Amino acid sequence: MIGWDMGAALALGQALGVPPIVMAELLPGIEAVMVLKLHEHMESERS
């Protein structure tokens, strides 16, 4: 996995009533942690 579809993530935030500026500020950090954890999980399953 490389990352999220930011357009879809922003649309989801809008549907939930979260202002786009807040989503734009928070999403990159959340995405980075999610991708890191997913890769760690995938590596642990290989062992």
N, C-alpha and C. Protein backbone atom coordinates (compact mmCIF):
# COMPACT_ATOMS: atom_id res chain seq x y z
N MET A 1 0.84 -1.18 0.00
CA MET A 1 0.00 0.00 0.00
C MET A 1 0.88 1.24 0.00
N ILE A 2 0.54 2.18 -0.83
CA ILE A 2 1.29 3.42 -0.93
C ILE A 2 0.65 4.52 -0.12
N GLY A 3 -0.64 4.62 -0.15
CA GLY A 3 -1.31 5.68 0.59
C GLY A 3 -2.80 5.69 0.30
N TRP A 4 -3.46 6.69 0.82
CA TRP A 4 -4.90 6.84 0.68
C TRP A 4 -5.25 7.66 -0.53
N ASP A 5 -6.48 7.53 -0.99
CA ASP A 5 -7.06 8.41 -1.99
C ASP A 5 -7.53 9.65 -1.22
N MET A 6 -6.73 10.72 -1.29
CA MET A 6 -7.04 11.91 -0.48
C MET A 6 -8.34 12.57 -0.90
N GLY A 7 -8.69 12.50 -2.18
CA GLY A 7 -9.97 13.06 -2.62
C GLY A 7 -11.13 12.36 -1.93
N ALA A 8 -11.04 11.04 -1.86
CA ALA A 8 -12.10 10.28 -1.19
C ALA A 8 -12.10 10.56 0.31
N ALA A 9 -10.92 10.67 0.90
CA ALA A 9 -10.85 10.96 2.34
C ALA A 9 -11.43 12.33 2.65
N LEU A 10 -11.14 13.32 1.81
CA LEU A 10 -11.70 14.66 2.01
C LEU A 10 -13.22 14.65 1.83
N ALA A 11 -13.71 13.87 0.86
CA ALA A 11 -15.16 13.76 0.65
C ALA A 11 -15.82 13.09 1.85
N LEU A 12 -15.18 12.08 2.40
CA LEU A 12 -15.73 11.42 3.59
C LEU A 12 -15.80 12.40 4.76
N GLY A 13 -14.73 13.18 4.95
CA GLY A 13 -14.74 14.19 6.00
C GLY A 13 -15.86 15.19 5.81
N GLN A 14 -16.06 15.63 4.57
CA GLN A 14 -17.13 16.58 4.28
C GLN A 14 -18.49 15.96 4.60
N ALA A 15 -18.67 14.70 4.25
CA ALA A 15 -19.94 14.01 4.54
C ALA A 15 -20.18 13.89 6.03
N LEU A 16 -19.10 13.83 6.79
CA LEU A 16 -19.21 13.73 8.25
C LEU A 16 -19.27 15.10 8.93
N GLY A 17 -19.19 16.16 8.12
CA GLY A 17 -19.28 17.51 8.67
C GLY A 17 -17.97 18.07 9.19
N VAL A 18 -16.86 17.47 8.80
CA VAL A 18 -15.54 17.96 9.22
C VAL A 18 -15.08 18.98 8.17
N PRO A 19 -14.70 20.17 8.60
CA PRO A 19 -14.25 21.19 7.64
C PRO A 19 -13.04 20.70 6.84
N PRO A 20 -13.00 21.02 5.54
CA PRO A 20 -11.88 20.57 4.70
C PRO A 20 -10.51 20.99 5.22
N ILE A 21 -10.40 22.16 5.80
CA ILE A 21 -9.10 22.61 6.30
C ILE A 21 -8.62 21.72 7.44
N VAL A 22 -9.55 21.24 8.26
CA VAL A 22 -9.19 20.33 9.35
C VAL A 22 -8.75 18.99 8.78
N MET A 23 -9.49 18.48 7.80
CA MET A 23 -9.12 17.22 7.17
C MET A 23 -7.75 17.33 6.50
N ALA A 24 -7.51 18.43 5.81
CA ALA A 24 -6.24 18.62 5.13
C ALA A 24 -5.08 18.66 6.12
N GLU A 25 -5.33 19.17 7.29
CA GLU A 25 -4.29 19.26 8.32
C GLU A 25 -4.03 17.90 8.96
N LEU A 26 -5.07 17.14 9.22
CA LEU A 26 -4.94 15.89 9.98
C LEU A 26 -4.61 14.67 9.12
N LEU A 27 -5.13 14.60 7.92
CA LEU A 27 -4.99 13.39 7.11
C LEU A 27 -3.56 12.94 6.82
N PRO A 28 -2.63 13.82 6.47
CA PRO A 28 -1.29 13.33 6.16
C PRO A 28 -0.63 12.58 7.33
N GLY A 29 -0.77 13.07 8.53
CA GLY A 29 -0.20 12.38 9.69
C GLY A 29 -0.88 11.06 9.98
N ILE A 30 -2.19 11.04 9.88
CA ILE A 30 -2.95 9.80 10.10
C ILE A 30 -2.59 8.78 9.03
N GLU A 31 -2.51 9.22 7.79
CA GLU A 31 -2.17 8.32 6.69
C GLU A 31 -0.78 7.72 6.88
N ALA A 32 0.18 8.54 7.28
CA ALA A 32 1.55 8.05 7.46
C ALA A 32 1.61 6.94 8.51
N VAL A 33 0.94 7.13 9.61
CA VAL A 33 0.93 6.11 10.67
C VAL A 33 0.20 4.86 10.19
N MET A 34 -0.91 5.02 9.51
CA MET A 34 -1.67 3.88 9.01
C MET A 34 -0.84 3.04 8.04
N VAL A 35 -0.16 3.68 7.11
CA VAL A 35 0.66 2.96 6.14
C VAL A 35 1.80 2.25 6.85
N LEU A 36 2.45 2.90 7.79
CA LEU A 36 3.54 2.28 8.55
C LEU A 36 3.04 1.04 9.29
N LYS A 37 1.94 1.15 9.98
CA LYS A 37 1.40 0.03 10.75
C LYS A 37 0.96 -1.11 9.84
N LEU A 38 0.38 -0.78 8.69
CA LEU A 38 -0.03 -1.81 7.75
C LEU A 38 1.19 -2.58 7.24
N HIS A 39 2.26 -1.87 6.91
CA HIS A 39 3.48 -2.55 6.45
C HIS A 39 4.08 -3.41 7.56
N GLU A 40 4.09 -2.91 8.79
CA GLU A 40 4.58 -3.70 9.92
C GLU A 40 3.76 -4.98 10.07
N HIS A 41 2.45 -4.85 9.96
CA HIS A 41 1.57 -6.01 10.09
C HIS A 41 1.84 -7.03 8.98
N MET A 42 2.00 -6.54 7.76
CA MET A 42 2.26 -7.43 6.63
C MET A 42 3.58 -8.16 6.81
N GLU A 43 4.60 -7.47 7.30
CA GLU A 43 5.89 -8.10 7.53
C GLU A 43 5.82 -9.14 8.65
N SER A 44 5.05 -8.87 9.68
CA SER A 44 4.95 -9.83 10.80
C SER A 44 4.22 -11.09 10.36
N GLU A 45 3.31 -10.98 9.41
CA GLU A 45 2.61 -12.17 8.91
C GLU A 45 3.50 -13.05 8.04
N ARG A 46 4.54 -12.48 7.46
CA ARG A 46 5.47 -13.26 6.63
C ARG A 46 6.38 -14.14 7.49
N SER A 47 6.61 -13.73 8.71
CA SER A 47 7.54 -14.46 9.58
C SER A 47 6.93 -15.70 10.16
